[in-house]
Amino acid sequence: MAEAGGFDNLFRTAGQLGGTFSQVPGLGPLFTLLSNDQNFFQAVSGNLNPEQRWADQFQYVDGYIPNCPH
């Protein structure tokens, strides 16, 4: 989760810097989107792991032992 938060900070900062220094027309909305990122990577990081995504269904399988924590 800490790594995902780092990516959120990285993209937010890139959007802020790009919005300030960009001279390329048409990229304004992209930099606005990036600079408004609060927790995108943190929110989706659990959904990218199939074991976390399906943990609710797997918990009822006899003998199932999760490989990673929720």
Protein backbone atom coordinates (compact mmCIF):
# COMPACT_ATOMS: atom_id res chain seq x y z
CA MET A 1 0.00 0.00 0.00
CA ALA A 2 2.91 2.34 0.68
CA GLU A 3 4.18 1.83 -2.86
CA ALA A 4 0.75 2.68 -4.26
CA GLY A 5 0.73 5.86 -2.17
CA GLY A 6 4.13 6.73 -3.60
CA PHE A 7 2.76 6.45 -7.13
CA ASP A 8 -0.16 8.70 -6.16
CA ASN A 9 2.32 11.31 -4.90
CA LEU A 10 4.46 10.94 -8.01
CA PHE A 11 1.59 11.40 -10.46
CA ARG A 12 0.05 14.27 -8.45
CA THR A 13 3.40 16.09 -8.43
CA ALA A 14 3.94 15.43 -12.14
CA GLY A 15 0.52 16.94 -12.84
CA GLN A 16 1.26 20.01 -10.72
CA LEU A 17 4.64 20.57 -12.35
CA GLY A 18 3.32 19.89 -15.83
CA GLY A 19 0.46 22.32 -15.37
CA THR A 20 2.90 25.00 -14.29
CA PHE A 21 5.58 24.54 -16.95
CA SER A 22 3.75 23.00 -19.89
CA GLN A 23 3.84 24.89 -23.17
CA VAL A 24 2.20 22.09 -25.15
CA PRO A 25 -1.37 23.00 -26.11
CA GLY A 26 -3.99 20.38 -25.33
CA LEU A 27 -2.19 18.81 -22.39
CA GLY A 28 -3.89 21.03 -19.79
CA PRO A 29 -6.68 18.53 -19.02
CA LEU A 30 -4.16 15.72 -18.56
CA PHE A 31 -2.15 17.72 -16.05
CA THR A 32 -5.35 18.75 -14.26
CA LEU A 33 -6.40 15.11 -13.98
CA LEU A 34 -3.00 14.06 -12.66
CA SER A 35 -2.72 16.92 -10.19
CA ASN A 36 -6.11 16.03 -8.68
CA ASP A 37 -5.12 12.40 -7.99
CA GLN A 38 -5.63 11.63 -4.31
CA ASN A 39 -5.65 7.84 -3.99
CA PHE A 40 -6.18 6.24 -7.41
CA PHE A 41 -3.34 3.74 -7.12
CA GLN A 42 -4.12 2.98 -3.49
CA ALA A 43 -7.77 2.33 -4.35
CA VAL A 44 -7.08 -0.06 -7.23
CA SER A 45 -3.99 -1.86 -5.87
CA GLY A 46 -6.06 -4.51 -4.04
CA ASN A 47 -8.19 -5.13 -7.12
CA LEU A 48 -5.13 -5.95 -9.18
CA ASN A 49 -4.26 -8.91 -6.98
CA PRO A 50 -6.55 -11.79 -7.97
CA GLU A 51 -6.23 -13.46 -4.60
CA GLN A 52 -7.41 -10.33 -2.80
CA ARG A 53 -10.12 -9.71 -5.36
CA TRP A 54 -11.59 -13.21 -4.97
CA ALA A 55 -10.81 -13.76 -1.27
CA ASP A 56 -14.48 -13.57 -0.28
CA GLN A 57 -15.34 -16.49 -2.55
CA PHE A 58 -12.24 -18.54 -1.74
CA GLN A 59 -12.75 -18.34 2.03
CA TYR A 60 -15.47 -21.02 1.80
CA VAL A 61 -13.26 -23.57 0.03
CA ASP A 62 -12.14 -26.33 2.38
CA GLY A 63 -8.40 -26.27 2.93
CA TYR A 64 -7.90 -22.86 1.29
CA ILE A 65 -4.95 -20.96 2.76
CA PRO A 66 -4.42 -17.41 1.44
CA ASN A 67 -0.97 -16.57 0.14
CA CYS A 68 -1.22 -12.91 1.01
CA PRO A 69 -3.04 -10.86 3.68
CA HIS A 70 -6.14 -8.86 2.81
